[in-house]
Amino acid sequence: MSYSDRWRPADLAEPDGAFEVLVRPKPDHGLRLTRRGLLTGIAALAGLRAVPALAESAGESPIDVLMRAQTVREWQDKFDAGASTPVAQLKSDVPLLSPETAANIEAALPQYQAIAGNGGWPRVPDQQRLRIGTRSEAVMVLRQRLAVTGDLAPSQFGYGDTFDSYVDAAVRRFQVRHGLKPNGLVDKPVFDVMNVPADIRLRQLETNLVRVRSMSGNLGDRFIFVNIPAAELEAVEGGRVIARHNAVVGKVDRQTPVLTSKVSEINFNPFWHVPVSIIRKDLIPKMRADPEYLTKNRIRIYDNKGREIPPEAINWDTDQAANLAFRQDPGDINAMATVKISFPNSHDVYMHDTPFKDLFGDNNRFYSSGCMRIQNVRELVAWILRDTPNWGPQQIDDAIRTGQRIDAKVKGAVQVYTNYVTAWATREGVVHFRDDIYARDGIGELAYVPGIMQ
């Protein structure tokens, strides 16, 4: 049995920061696919309207559609650079929580039923990393695997052992569908996801069809949806997605909760009030290791009467600190950076900025203690405050630059939903899967798939 270890040191300058090592055993699914079964599966796919690699839509190939969607999702933080791009100008799309998404999943089910019924797809040997220019027998199996799910079109299939430009494009398409960086490199995260058996993916689609149906009611004209396993946020207005933002969500032992709420206010240059769980699990050990930690990070201690207590007055070898209040001053190293999006909920979670923006580029974005860090959060805030008087992009920028705590009460209803969807399909017939990070799909095998945990 092999293992996938994910290690990343954390800094308590992050509100949800903590040290974690994730270890998941990797299953050994010895599935084989015969040439006859492969051709039968491809033939079955050719008869399905929803197979994305076999048709073009409105003069645009499905890979173009996918790459365009990825570009929207990874758009640059132009607002932070001082040149705001109106969110409404971004290309619309169908919200994940919608009856249309449920219908798209239904349309995709026959494809995966056909694949599973024909023996599934072959297991790609993972002894070496594969990339453009590689020559290996494993590339021949990779071609088969990509052809079965329509990532590699039959006209480009071939039987060569060279990783050519067609295979590279197909791998990138596969990566986009599974929430991985589309770099064309077939490494451990890609192998782990690629070798999940077809019958498991079929069951995952069936499970999430029920979820999406149950959640696709009247969600409001303007709402925010955070899909936890995808670590992604949708801003929805008038039934269309107008922007997508990468997010960082809760790790396995500090999960982001499923909830429904409404944005109440935006807090600029917020103080960070350290939760008791983080005081116990992270802050006390940090102080034992480095007595200057609080001072370096501008975190102050207060008793129940609001009086400030010096760190040296605390016995850090006990749990005394857990009975006190810890607050970090606003500033460039504040855990929430420039802004916090507040919405009432019993879990005491919220959305916020972060000084560590490199995390948004990771495949694995499960680092927090339950709160949600949002990429390009100022763009999102500008959209939320659009109908709030005297809170345009310039006023937002000015408020942040003051460095002072300023609160903006939100006018108009902007609902907030967080939920858990690990498989869905689009109107172009593109089928997406994400790792079942919290093991909620009820499919035992998925709990052991490292997936993007690297």
Protein backbone atom coordinates (compact mmCIF):
# COMPACT_ATOMS: atom_id res chain seq x y z
CA MET A 1 0.00 0.00 0.00
CA SER A 2 1.31 3.41 -0.93
CA TYR A 3 0.45 6.70 0.66
CA SER A 4 -0.01 10.29 -0.41
CA ASP A 5 1.29 12.70 2.20
CA ARG A 6 0.30 16.32 2.25
CA TRP A 7 2.44 18.50 4.51
CA ARG A 8 2.33 22.24 4.72
CA PRO A 9 3.48 24.29 7.69
CA ALA A 10 1.08 27.01 8.67
CA ASP A 11 1.40 30.37 10.25
CA LEU A 12 -1.02 31.69 12.82
CA ALA A 13 -1.16 34.86 10.78
CA GLU A 14 -3.85 32.85 8.97
CA PRO A 15 -7.11 32.79 11.00
CA ASP A 16 -7.65 29.18 10.13
CA GLY A 17 -4.00 28.21 10.03
CA ALA A 18 -2.78 24.97 11.51
CA PHE A 19 -0.25 22.25 10.90
CA GLU A 20 -1.58 19.14 9.26
CA VAL A 21 -0.33 15.94 7.65
CA LEU A 22 -2.91 14.13 5.57
CA VAL A 23 -2.30 10.49 4.74
CA ARG A 24 -4.65 8.47 2.62
CA PRO A 25 -4.05 4.93 1.35
CA LYS A 26 -4.20 4.54 -2.38
CA PRO A 27 -6.39 1.67 -3.65
CA ASP A 28 -5.16 -0.80 -6.23
CA HIS A 29 -7.95 -1.22 -8.76
CA GLY A 30 -6.57 -3.68 -11.28
CA LEU A 31 -9.12 -2.91 -14.00
CA ARG A 32 -8.35 -3.90 -17.56
CA LEU A 33 -10.10 -2.87 -20.76
CA THR A 34 -9.91 -4.98 -23.89
CA ARG A 35 -9.53 -3.44 -27.34
CA ARG A 36 -13.02 -4.65 -28.20
CA GLY A 37 -14.41 -3.16 -25.01
CA LEU A 38 -12.62 0.12 -25.67
CA LEU A 39 -14.01 0.40 -29.20
CA THR A 40 -17.46 -0.58 -27.97
CA GLY A 41 -17.27 2.11 -25.32
CA ILE A 42 -16.15 4.73 -27.83
CA ALA A 43 -18.95 3.72 -30.18
CA ALA A 44 -21.43 4.05 -27.33
CA LEU A 45 -20.09 7.51 -26.57
CA ALA A 46 -20.34 8.55 -30.22
CA GLY A 47 -24.09 8.09 -30.05
CA LEU A 48 -24.49 10.42 -27.08
CA ARG A 49 -25.19 14.07 -27.79
CA ALA A 50 -23.55 15.05 -24.51
CA VAL A 51 -20.06 13.69 -25.25
CA PRO A 52 -18.03 16.91 -25.35
CA ALA A 53 -14.97 15.80 -27.32
CA LEU A 54 -17.05 14.50 -30.25
CA ALA A 55 -18.91 17.67 -31.20
CA GLU A 56 -18.56 21.43 -31.38
CA SER A 57 -20.95 23.98 -29.93
CA ALA A 58 -21.62 27.30 -31.64
CA GLY A 59 -18.35 27.06 -33.56
CA GLU A 60 -16.33 26.59 -30.37
CA SER A 61 -14.74 23.28 -29.47
CA PRO A 62 -15.43 21.82 -26.00
CA ILE A 63 -11.76 22.18 -25.07
CA ASP A 64 -12.06 25.91 -25.90
CA VAL A 65 -15.15 26.09 -23.71
CA LEU A 66 -13.30 24.39 -20.88
CA MET A 67 -10.20 26.54 -21.15
CA ARG A 68 -12.31 29.70 -21.33
CA ALA A 69 -14.14 28.63 -18.19
CA GLN A 70 -10.79 27.98 -16.49
CA THR A 71 -9.62 31.45 -17.47
CA VAL A 72 -12.70 32.99 -15.92
CA ARG A 73 -12.14 31.01 -12.77
CA GLU A 74 -8.51 32.07 -12.52
CA TRP A 75 -8.98 35.71 -13.62
CA GLN A 76 -6.39 38.14 -12.33
CA ASP A 77 -7.00 40.40 -9.37
CA LYS A 78 -7.28 43.58 -11.46
CA PHE A 79 -9.31 45.33 -8.78
CA ASP A 80 -6.42 44.99 -6.36
CA ALA A 81 -4.13 46.40 -9.04
CA GLY A 82 -6.25 49.53 -9.17
CA ALA A 83 -8.00 48.84 -12.48
CA SER A 84 -11.34 47.29 -11.63
CA THR A 85 -13.02 44.94 -14.10
CA PRO A 86 -16.80 45.00 -13.57
CA VAL A 87 -17.96 41.57 -12.49
CA ALA A 88 -21.03 41.86 -14.72
CA GLN A 89 -18.77 41.85 -17.80
CA LEU A 90 -17.64 38.30 -17.12
CA LYS A 91 -19.33 35.67 -19.24
CA SER A 92 -22.42 34.15 -17.68
CA ASP A 93 -22.84 30.48 -17.00
CA VAL A 94 -25.37 28.12 -15.44
CA PRO A 95 -25.24 28.01 -11.61
CA LEU A 96 -24.28 24.68 -10.16
CA LEU A 97 -27.40 24.80 -7.98
CA SER A 98 -30.04 24.85 -10.72
CA PRO A 99 -32.57 22.54 -12.36
CA GLU A 100 -30.50 22.75 -15.55
CA THR A 101 -27.49 21.26 -13.78
CA ALA A 102 -29.67 18.40 -12.54
CA ALA A 103 -30.84 17.80 -16.12
CA ASN A 104 -27.22 17.88 -17.32
CA ILE A 105 -26.25 15.22 -14.77
CA GLU A 106 -29.15 13.07 -15.93
CA ALA A 107 -27.93 13.43 -19.51
CA ALA A 108 -24.43 12.33 -18.49
CA LEU A 109 -25.56 9.19 -16.65
CA PRO A 110 -26.01 7.02 -19.80
CA GLN A 111 -22.43 7.82 -20.82
CA TYR A 112 -21.03 6.51 -17.54
CA GLN A 113 -23.47 3.61 -17.43
CA ALA A 114 -22.19 2.58 -20.87
CA ILE A 115 -18.57 2.91 -19.79
CA ALA A 116 -19.09 0.93 -16.58
CA GLY A 117 -21.13 -1.70 -18.45
CA ASN A 118 -18.26 -2.22 -20.91
CA GLY A 119 -15.71 -2.92 -18.20
CA GLY A 120 -14.73 0.61 -17.25
CA TRP A 121 -11.48 2.25 -18.28
CA PRO A 122 -7.92 0.90 -18.03
CA ARG A 123 -5.69 1.71 -15.10
CA VAL A 124 -2.86 3.95 -16.26
CA PRO A 125 0.53 2.75 -14.96
CA ASP A 126 1.87 5.33 -12.53
CA GLN A 127 5.51 4.32 -12.26
CA GLN A 128 6.70 7.42 -14.11
CA ARG A 129 5.44 10.93 -14.70
CA LEU A 130 4.22 11.56 -18.23
CA ARG A 131 4.41 14.78 -20.19
CA ILE A 132 4.60 15.99 -23.76
CA GLY A 133 7.51 14.30 -25.54
CA THR A 134 7.52 11.21 -23.29
CA ARG A 135 7.74 7.84 -25.05
CA SER A 136 6.40 4.95 -23.02
CA GLU A 137 4.00 2.03 -23.20
CA ALA A 138 2.09 3.84 -20.44
CA VAL A 139 1.23 6.55 -22.99
CA MET A 140 -0.66 3.95 -25.03
CA VAL A 141 -2.79 3.13 -21.97
CA LEU A 142 -3.18 6.83 -21.25
CA ARG A 143 -4.60 7.33 -24.76
CA GLN A 144 -7.14 4.58 -24.11
CA ARG A 145 -8.14 6.10 -20.78
CA LEU A 146 -8.63 9.56 -22.22
CA ALA A 147 -10.59 8.25 -25.21
CA VAL A 148 -13.12 6.42 -23.08
CA THR A 149 -14.30 9.61 -21.35
CA GLY A 150 -14.17 11.71 -24.52
CA ASP A 151 -11.16 13.77 -23.48
CA LEU A 152 -9.32 12.44 -26.54
CA ALA A 153 -11.45 12.33 -29.70
CA PRO A 154 -11.46 9.10 -31.77
CA SER A 155 -9.93 10.98 -34.71
CA GLN A 156 -6.93 11.79 -32.50
CA PHE A 157 -6.74 8.46 -30.70
CA GLY A 158 -4.00 6.52 -32.47
CA TYR A 159 -1.95 3.79 -30.83
CA GLY A 160 1.44 5.45 -30.58
CA ASP A 161 3.58 5.44 -27.46
CA THR A 162 4.51 9.14 -27.80
CA PHE A 163 2.90 11.81 -25.64
CA ASP A 164 2.05 14.22 -28.46
CA SER A 165 0.15 17.50 -28.64
CA TYR A 166 -3.20 15.71 -28.94
CA VAL A 167 -2.56 13.81 -25.72
CA ASP A 168 -1.37 16.99 -24.05
CA ALA A 169 -4.60 18.80 -24.92
CA ALA A 170 -6.65 15.82 -23.73
CA VAL A 171 -4.78 15.69 -20.41
CA ARG A 172 -5.36 19.40 -19.84
CA ARG A 173 -9.04 18.92 -20.53
CA PHE A 174 -9.14 16.05 -18.04
CA GLN A 175 -7.38 18.21 -15.45
CA VAL A 176 -9.90 21.02 -15.86
CA ARG A 177 -12.78 18.57 -15.38
CA HIS A 178 -11.26 17.39 -12.11
CA GLY A 179 -10.26 20.74 -10.64
CA LEU A 180 -6.54 20.26 -11.24
CA LYS A 181 -4.10 22.76 -12.70
CA PRO A 182 -4.23 22.29 -16.50
CA ASN A 183 -0.50 21.98 -17.04
CA GLY A 184 -0.48 18.79 -19.14
CA LEU A 185 1.69 16.95 -16.61
CA VAL A 186 0.47 13.48 -15.61
CA ASP A 187 1.82 13.18 -12.09
CA LYS A 188 0.58 11.63 -8.86
CA PRO A 189 -2.52 13.84 -8.38
CA VAL A 190 -3.58 13.09 -11.97
CA PHE A 191 -2.90 9.36 -11.69
CA ASP A 192 -4.86 9.19 -8.43
CA VAL A 193 -7.92 10.83 -9.97
CA MET A 194 -7.61 9.13 -13.36
CA ASN A 195 -7.54 5.66 -11.83
CA VAL A 196 -10.76 5.95 -9.85
CA PRO A 197 -12.93 3.13 -11.29
CA ALA A 198 -15.79 4.01 -13.63
CA ASP A 199 -18.45 2.39 -11.47
CA ILE A 200 -17.39 4.62 -8.57
CA ARG A 201 -17.72 7.72 -10.75
CA LEU A 202 -21.15 6.52 -11.86
CA ARG A 203 -22.30 6.17 -8.27
CA GLN A 204 -20.86 9.59 -7.50
CA LEU A 205 -22.97 11.12 -10.28
CA GLU A 206 -26.08 9.37 -9.00
CA THR A 207 -25.46 10.61 -5.45
CA ASN A 208 -24.92 14.19 -6.53
CA LEU A 209 -27.95 14.20 -8.82
CA VAL A 210 -30.07 13.77 -5.68
CA ARG A 211 -28.14 16.55 -3.93
CA VAL A 212 -28.45 19.05 -6.75
CA ARG A 213 -32.17 18.34 -7.20
CA SER A 214 -32.82 18.90 -3.52
CA MET A 215 -30.91 22.20 -3.44
CA SER A 216 -32.16 23.75 -6.69
CA GLY A 217 -35.16 25.69 -5.44
CA ASN A 218 -35.68 29.45 -5.40
CA LEU A 219 -32.33 30.67 -4.08
CA GLY A 220 -32.87 34.37 -4.73
CA ASP A 221 -31.98 36.76 -7.52
CA ARG A 222 -28.49 37.45 -6.13
CA PHE A 223 -26.64 34.81 -4.17
CA ILE A 224 -23.25 33.37 -3.35
CA PHE A 225 -22.67 29.64 -3.48
CA VAL A 226 -19.55 27.99 -2.10
CA ASN A 227 -19.06 24.43 -3.30
CA ILE A 228 -16.92 23.00 -0.50
CA PRO A 229 -15.21 20.01 -2.22
CA ALA A 230 -14.44 22.16 -5.27
CA ALA A 231 -13.14 24.99 -3.02
CA GLU A 232 -14.84 27.43 -5.36
CA LEU A 233 -17.34 30.28 -5.04
CA GLU A 234 -19.99 31.29 -7.55
CA ALA A 235 -21.52 34.79 -7.59
CA VAL A 236 -24.96 34.38 -9.16
CA GLU A 237 -27.35 37.03 -10.41
CA GLY A 238 -30.49 36.68 -12.51
CA GLY A 239 -30.01 32.93 -12.81
CA ARG A 240 -26.49 33.13 -14.22
CA VAL A 241 -22.98 32.88 -12.75
CA ILE A 242 -21.29 36.22 -13.27
CA ALA A 243 -18.01 35.37 -11.53
CA ARG A 244 -16.17 32.43 -10.02
CA HIS A 245 -13.53 32.72 -7.31
CA ASN A 246 -11.14 30.10 -6.00
CA ALA A 247 -11.49 29.58 -2.26
CA VAL A 248 -9.65 27.96 0.61
CA VAL A 249 -11.99 25.91 2.81
CA GLY A 250 -11.82 23.72 5.90
CA LYS A 251 -9.45 20.82 6.32
CA VAL A 252 -10.76 17.35 7.17
CA ASP A 253 -10.65 17.83 10.94
CA ARG A 254 -12.00 21.43 10.82
CA GLN A 255 -14.64 21.26 8.14
CA THR A 256 -16.45 24.15 6.49
CA PRO A 257 -20.12 23.70 7.44
CA VAL A 258 -23.13 23.46 5.17
CA LEU A 259 -25.25 26.55 5.85
CA THR A 260 -27.75 29.09 4.54
CA SER A 261 -27.53 32.77 5.46
CA LYS A 262 -27.48 36.32 4.07
CA VAL A 263 -24.61 38.82 3.90
CA SER A 264 -25.15 41.41 6.63
CA GLU A 265 -22.08 43.63 6.44
CA ILE A 266 -18.59 44.08 5.07
CA ASN A 267 -15.83 44.76 7.60
CA PHE A 268 -12.81 46.63 6.24
CA ASN A 269 -9.46 46.32 8.03
CA PRO A 270 -11.01 43.97 10.60
CA PHE A 271 -9.59 42.83 13.89
CA TRP A 272 -9.16 39.08 14.09
CA HIS A 273 -10.64 37.56 17.22
CA VAL A 274 -8.90 34.21 17.66
CA PRO A 275 -11.33 31.30 18.18
CA VAL A 276 -10.82 29.18 21.28
CA SER A 277 -10.16 26.09 19.14
CA ILE A 278 -7.21 27.81 17.48
CA ILE A 279 -5.95 29.16 20.83
CA ARG A 280 -5.82 25.60 22.16
CA LYS A 281 -4.59 23.75 19.07
CA ASP A 282 -2.23 26.29 17.57
CA LEU A 283 -1.53 29.44 19.55
CA ILE A 284 -0.51 27.91 22.88
CA PRO A 285 1.97 25.52 21.20
CA LYS A 286 3.33 28.45 19.16
CA MET A 287 3.95 30.47 22.33
CA ARG A 288 5.68 27.54 24.00
CA ALA A 289 8.04 27.34 21.05
CA ASP A 290 8.49 31.10 20.56
CA PRO A 291 7.58 33.49 23.44
CA GLU A 292 7.75 36.43 21.00
CA TYR A 293 5.17 34.97 18.63
CA LEU A 294 2.23 37.15 19.76
CA THR A 295 4.28 40.33 19.68
CA LYS A 296 5.64 39.59 16.21
CA ASN A 297 2.13 38.99 14.90
CA ARG A 298 0.52 41.94 16.72
CA ILE A 299 -1.85 39.75 18.70
CA ARG A 300 -3.01 41.20 22.01
CA ILE A 301 -4.46 39.43 25.07
CA TYR A 302 -7.46 40.71 27.07
CA ASP A 303 -9.21 39.52 30.21
CA ASN A 304 -12.98 39.41 30.66
CA LYS A 305 -13.00 43.10 31.66
CA GLY A 306 -11.24 44.21 28.51
CA ARG A 307 -7.90 44.88 30.18
CA GLU A 308 -4.82 44.06 28.12
CA ILE A 309 -2.51 41.40 29.60
CA PRO A 310 1.17 41.06 28.62
CA PRO A 311 2.13 37.64 27.19
CA GLU A 312 4.76 37.09 29.88
CA ALA A 313 2.00 37.13 32.52
CA ILE A 314 0.52 33.92 31.09
CA ASN A 315 1.59 30.43 32.12
CA TRP A 316 1.85 28.83 28.67
CA ASP A 317 2.40 25.38 30.16
CA THR A 318 -1.27 25.37 31.24
CA ASP A 319 -4.62 26.06 29.53
CA GLN A 320 -4.89 29.47 31.19
CA ALA A 321 -4.76 31.21 27.81
CA ALA A 322 -7.92 29.43 26.62
CA ASN A 323 -9.94 31.51 29.11
CA LEU A 324 -8.71 34.82 27.70
CA ALA A 325 -9.49 36.83 24.57
CA PHE A 326 -6.91 37.18 21.78
CA ARG A 327 -7.23 39.86 19.10
CA GLN A 328 -4.95 40.68 16.20
CA ASP A 329 -4.62 44.32 15.14
CA PRO A 330 -5.55 45.37 11.58
CA GLY A 331 -2.61 45.62 9.22
CA ASP A 332 -0.65 43.98 6.47
CA ILE A 333 -0.09 40.77 8.45
CA ASN A 334 -3.62 40.51 9.82
CA ALA A 335 -5.06 37.04 9.32
CA MET A 336 -8.05 38.42 7.40
CA ALA A 337 -5.92 40.93 5.51
CA THR A 338 -8.12 43.76 4.20
CA VAL A 339 -11.73 42.61 4.39
CA LYS A 340 -14.23 40.26 6.01
CA ILE A 341 -17.66 39.27 4.63
CA SER A 342 -19.99 38.70 7.57
CA PHE A 343 -23.22 36.68 7.59
CA PRO A 344 -25.00 35.36 10.70
CA ASN A 345 -24.64 31.64 11.37
CA SER A 346 -24.36 29.31 14.34
CA HIS A 347 -20.91 28.05 13.24
CA ASP A 348 -19.24 31.47 13.61
CA VAL A 349 -17.66 31.23 10.15
CA TYR A 350 -17.25 33.94 7.55
CA MET A 351 -15.46 34.77 4.29
CA HIS A 352 -12.34 36.89 4.19
CA ASP A 353 -9.22 38.02 2.41
CA THR A 354 -5.81 36.50 3.20
CA PRO A 355 -2.20 37.73 3.07
CA PHE A 356 -1.17 34.32 1.69
CA LYS A 357 -2.61 34.44 -1.81
CA ASP A 358 -0.33 31.72 -3.17
CA LEU A 359 -2.69 29.13 -1.66
CA PHE A 360 -5.31 29.91 -4.32
CA GLY A 361 -3.09 28.35 -6.97
CA ASP A 362 -2.88 24.99 -5.23
CA ASN A 363 -4.73 21.88 -6.38
CA ASN A 364 -5.48 21.20 -2.74
CA ARG A 365 -7.18 24.14 -1.04
CA PHE A 366 -8.30 22.53 2.23
CA TYR A 367 -6.25 24.42 4.79
CA SER A 368 -8.65 26.42 6.94
CA SER A 369 -10.40 25.85 10.25
CA GLY A 370 -13.83 26.25 8.65
CA CYS A 371 -13.87 29.84 7.40
CA MET A 372 -13.56 30.57 3.68
CA ARG A 373 -10.70 32.59 2.20
CA ILE A 374 -11.71 34.07 -1.15
CA GLN A 375 -9.50 34.92 -4.11
CA ASN A 376 -10.03 38.42 -5.53
CA VAL A 377 -12.28 39.13 -2.58
CA ARG A 378 -12.46 42.84 -3.36
CA GLU A 379 -14.17 42.12 -6.68
CA LEU A 380 -16.73 40.08 -4.76
CA VAL A 381 -17.17 42.84 -2.19
CA ALA A 382 -17.74 45.41 -4.95
CA TRP A 383 -20.52 43.21 -6.35
CA ILE A 384 -22.07 42.68 -2.91
CA LEU A 385 -22.07 46.44 -2.20
CA ARG A 386 -23.29 47.43 -5.64
CA ASP A 387 -26.71 48.53 -4.37
CA THR A 388 -25.38 50.03 -1.13
CA PRO A 389 -25.17 53.85 -1.40
CA ASN A 390 -21.70 55.44 -1.30
CA TRP A 391 -19.87 52.14 -1.66
CA GLY A 392 -18.44 52.01 -5.16
CA PRO A 393 -15.01 50.56 -6.06
CA GLN A 394 -13.26 53.85 -5.26
CA GLN A 395 -14.86 54.07 -1.80
CA ILE A 396 -13.91 50.45 -1.15
CA ASP A 397 -10.31 51.14 -2.13
CA ASP A 398 -10.23 54.28 0.01
CA ALA A 399 -11.62 52.43 3.05
CA ILE A 400 -8.96 49.77 2.78
CA ARG A 401 -6.17 52.30 2.40
CA THR A 402 -7.11 54.09 5.62
CA GLY A 403 -6.06 51.04 7.62
CA GLN A 404 -8.91 51.82 10.01
CA ARG A 405 -11.76 49.53 10.99
CA ILE A 406 -14.81 50.52 8.88
CA ASP A 407 -18.10 48.61 8.58
CA ALA A 408 -20.49 48.78 5.63
CA LYS A 409 -24.05 47.52 6.16
CA VAL A 410 -25.20 45.71 3.02
CA LYS A 411 -28.35 46.98 1.35
CA GLY A 412 -30.34 44.41 -0.60
CA ALA A 413 -30.50 40.66 -0.23
CA VAL A 414 -27.38 38.67 -1.11
CA GLN A 415 -27.98 35.14 0.08
CA VAL A 416 -25.14 32.82 1.08
CA TYR A 417 -25.20 29.06 0.58
CA THR A 418 -22.46 26.54 1.24
CA ASN A 419 -22.91 22.92 0.28
CA TYR A 420 -21.20 19.77 -0.89
CA VAL A 421 -21.28 18.75 -4.57
CA THR A 422 -18.57 16.41 -5.87
CA ALA A 423 -19.91 15.62 -9.36
CA TRP A 424 -21.89 17.60 -11.93
CA ALA A 425 -22.22 18.21 -15.67
CA THR A 426 -22.59 21.27 -17.88
CA ARG A 427 -24.84 22.01 -20.86
CA GLU A 428 -21.82 21.29 -23.12
CA GLY A 429 -21.82 17.74 -21.74
CA VAL A 430 -18.63 18.26 -19.74
CA VAL A 431 -18.68 16.06 -16.62
CA HIS A 432 -16.81 17.33 -13.56
CA PHE A 433 -15.65 15.42 -10.49
CA ARG A 434 -14.01 16.51 -7.27
CA ASP A 435 -12.38 14.60 -4.43
CA ASP A 436 -14.80 13.51 -1.68
CA ILE A 437 -12.63 15.31 0.85
CA TYR A 438 -15.04 14.91 3.79
CA ALA A 439 -16.14 11.36 2.82
CA ARG A 440 -19.80 12.38 2.51
CA ASP A 441 -20.66 10.59 -0.72
CA GLY A 442 -21.28 7.31 1.06
CA ILE A 443 -18.96 5.51 -1.36
CA GLY A 444 -16.25 3.80 0.66
CA GLU A 445 -13.69 3.66 -2.13
CA LEU A 446 -13.71 7.41 -2.58
CA ALA A 447 -12.65 7.95 1.01
CA TYR A 448 -9.30 6.36 0.10
CA VAL A 449 -8.61 8.28 -3.08
CA PRO A 450 -5.80 10.81 -2.56
CA GLY A 451 -7.19 12.81 -5.47
CA ILE A 452 -5.93 16.36 -5.28
CA MET A 453 -4.30 15.84 -1.89
CA GLN A 454 -0.80 16.62 -3.07
